Amino acid sequence: MTFRPVISSQADLEAAWRFLMQPLGFSGESLWFMLVEPDGTAVPSITRIEDAAEPPDEEQLLSLTMHLSTIIDTLGLRGARVAFLRSRPGGGGPDVRDRAWARSLTAACRLVGLPCEVVHLATDHDVRPLPGDDLLAAAT
C-alpha cells in the first residue's frame, strides 16, 4: 500500500515525516524532499540526496529549485509545493548547519516562486520542524 498522506497543516507534515523516517537512525547527512499536490495530497515519491553535510552554494540551490519547478510543471501539478527534510546522525536540537540548510532552501524556493513547506530535521532521536521564526532568530 502506498503512503499518501493529506498535508493540510504543519502537524500533518510533521506526522508524515515521522512516519517516513522510521526507524530513526542515520549513518550520514541527507536531504529528503517530497512534492505536495495543491489539494494537500503527497505525491507518492520521496527523493533522498546523500552526503549533504554542508549547505549547497547559491548555484546548486538555484539548480535544485529550478529542477523541482520543472518536475512540477511536467507532472501538471501547478500550485504544488515542496517539503524538505534534513537528516543527520546524533541528537539534540538544530545546529548551525541545520539552520543554514533550512534558510538556504527556503530562500531558494522563494527566489524561483516555488511554494515551500516548513523544513524539518530528523536526527537519531526525533523529527522536528525548523520554523522560519526560529531561523531568523538564530541568524541575528
Protein backbone atom coordinates (compact mmCIF):
# COMPACT_ATOMS: atom_id res chain seq x y z
CA MET A 1 0.00 0.00 0.00
CA THR A 2 1.31 3.43 -0.94
CA PHE A 3 1.52 6.06 1.81
CA ARG A 4 -0.24 9.20 0.53
CA PRO A 5 -0.98 11.50 3.44
CA VAL A 6 -3.04 14.63 3.04
CA ILE A 7 -1.00 17.55 4.28
CA SER A 8 -3.18 20.49 5.22
CA SER A 9 -1.26 21.71 8.27
CA GLN A 10 2.19 21.80 9.82
CA ALA A 11 1.08 18.99 12.17
CA ASP A 12 0.12 16.82 9.17
CA LEU A 13 3.52 17.39 7.57
CA GLU A 14 5.39 16.59 10.76
CA ALA A 15 3.35 13.39 11.16
CA ALA A 16 4.13 12.40 7.56
CA TRP A 17 7.87 12.94 8.04
CA ARG A 18 7.77 11.00 11.33
CA PHE A 19 6.14 8.07 9.55
CA LEU A 20 8.51 8.19 6.56
CA MET A 21 11.71 8.46 8.64
CA GLN A 22 11.01 5.43 10.86
CA PRO A 23 13.00 3.82 12.22
CA LEU A 24 15.12 6.80 13.25
CA GLY A 25 18.88 6.36 12.99
CA PHE A 26 21.09 7.84 10.30
CA SER A 27 24.64 6.99 9.22
CA GLY A 28 25.15 10.21 7.26
CA GLU A 29 23.67 13.57 6.39
CA SER A 30 20.98 13.67 3.70
CA LEU A 31 18.37 15.96 2.20
CA TRP A 32 14.95 14.48 1.50
CA PHE A 33 12.07 16.05 -0.36
CA MET A 34 8.57 15.28 -1.48
CA LEU A 35 6.02 17.17 -3.51
CA VAL A 36 2.59 18.03 -2.19
CA GLU A 37 -0.26 18.48 -4.66
CA PRO A 38 -2.45 21.61 -4.45
CA ASP A 39 -5.17 19.59 -2.66
CA GLY A 40 -2.63 18.57 0.01
CA THR A 41 -2.09 15.00 -1.16
CA ALA A 42 1.56 13.97 -1.09
CA VAL A 43 2.93 12.73 -4.41
CA PRO A 44 3.82 9.04 -3.82
CA SER A 45 7.55 9.52 -4.26
CA ILE A 46 10.28 10.73 -1.95
CA THR A 47 13.77 11.71 -3.06
CA ARG A 48 16.94 11.44 -0.99
CA ILE A 49 20.17 13.29 -1.72
CA GLU A 50 23.01 11.68 0.23
CA ASP A 51 26.24 13.21 1.52
CA ALA A 52 24.52 16.53 2.16
CA ALA A 53 26.65 17.81 5.04
CA GLU A 54 27.40 21.37 4.00
CA PRO A 55 24.62 23.59 2.69
CA PRO A 56 24.80 23.97 -1.10
CA ASP A 57 26.00 27.15 -2.71
CA GLU A 58 23.62 29.53 -4.48
CA GLU A 59 24.16 27.93 -7.90
CA GLN A 60 23.37 24.45 -6.59
CA LEU A 61 20.29 25.72 -4.75
CA LEU A 62 19.01 27.51 -7.82
CA SER A 63 19.58 24.38 -9.91
CA LEU A 64 17.69 22.22 -7.40
CA THR A 65 14.70 24.54 -7.13
CA MET A 66 14.52 25.10 -10.89
CA HIS A 67 14.62 21.32 -11.38
CA LEU A 68 11.78 20.88 -8.89
CA SER A 69 9.76 23.58 -10.66
CA THR A 70 10.29 21.75 -13.96
CA ILE A 71 9.13 18.45 -12.44
CA ILE A 72 6.00 20.13 -11.08
CA ASP A 73 5.25 21.64 -14.50
CA THR A 74 5.92 18.34 -16.29
CA LEU A 75 3.59 16.46 -13.96
CA GLY A 76 0.91 19.11 -14.42
CA LEU A 77 0.87 19.91 -10.72
CA ARG A 78 0.56 23.68 -10.96
CA GLY A 79 0.30 25.06 -7.43
CA ALA A 80 2.13 22.12 -5.85
CA ARG A 81 4.59 22.77 -3.06
CA VAL A 82 7.78 21.09 -1.90
CA ALA A 83 8.55 19.71 1.56
CA PHE A 84 12.19 19.28 2.62
CA LEU A 85 13.71 17.33 5.50
CA ARG A 86 17.36 17.25 6.52
CA SER A 87 18.52 14.09 8.30
CA ARG A 88 21.70 13.53 10.25
CA PRO A 89 23.13 11.22 12.89
CA GLY A 90 23.17 12.26 16.53
CA GLY A 91 20.63 14.08 18.60
CA GLY A 92 20.00 17.39 20.23
CA GLY A 93 18.35 20.40 18.73
CA PRO A 94 19.06 22.04 15.40
CA ASP A 95 22.66 23.13 14.92
CA VAL A 96 24.17 25.89 12.79
CA ARG A 97 24.29 23.72 9.65
CA ASP A 98 20.70 22.53 10.10
CA ARG A 99 19.51 26.13 10.28
CA ALA A 100 21.71 27.14 7.34
CA TRP A 101 20.18 24.35 5.23
CA ALA A 102 16.65 25.41 6.15
CA ARG A 103 17.33 29.12 5.48
CA SER A 104 19.01 28.35 2.14
CA LEU A 105 16.26 26.03 0.91
CA THR A 106 13.51 28.43 1.92
CA ALA A 107 15.24 31.40 0.29
CA ALA A 108 15.95 29.50 -2.94
CA CYS A 109 12.33 28.40 -3.23
CA ARG A 110 11.16 31.95 -2.63
CA LEU A 111 13.55 33.19 -5.34
CA VAL A 112 12.02 30.93 -8.03
CA GLY A 113 8.44 31.24 -6.76
CA LEU A 114 8.20 27.63 -5.57
CA PRO A 115 5.91 27.21 -2.55
CA CYS A 116 7.83 25.53 0.27
CA GLU A 117 6.61 23.91 3.47
CA VAL A 118 8.46 24.37 6.76
CA VAL A 119 11.77 22.49 6.54
CA HIS A 120 12.11 19.61 9.02
CA LEU A 121 15.06 17.98 10.76
CA ALA A 122 15.35 14.27 11.59
CA THR A 123 18.04 13.02 13.95
CA ASP A 124 18.59 9.65 15.58
CA HIS A 125 16.15 10.68 18.32
CA ASP A 126 13.47 12.96 16.89
CA VAL A 127 11.82 14.69 13.94
CA ARG A 128 11.13 18.39 14.37
CA PRO A 129 10.19 21.43 12.29
CA LEU A 130 12.60 24.29 11.71
CA PRO A 131 10.12 27.20 11.57
CA GLY A 132 11.07 30.43 9.85
CA ASP A 133 10.86 32.47 13.06
CA ASP A 134 13.46 30.22 14.68
CA LEU A 135 15.72 30.53 11.65
CA LEU A 136 15.53 34.32 11.68
CA ALA A 137 16.19 34.49 15.42
CA ALA A 138 19.23 32.21 15.09
CA ALA A 139 20.62 34.30 12.21
CA THR A 140 20.69 37.51 14.25
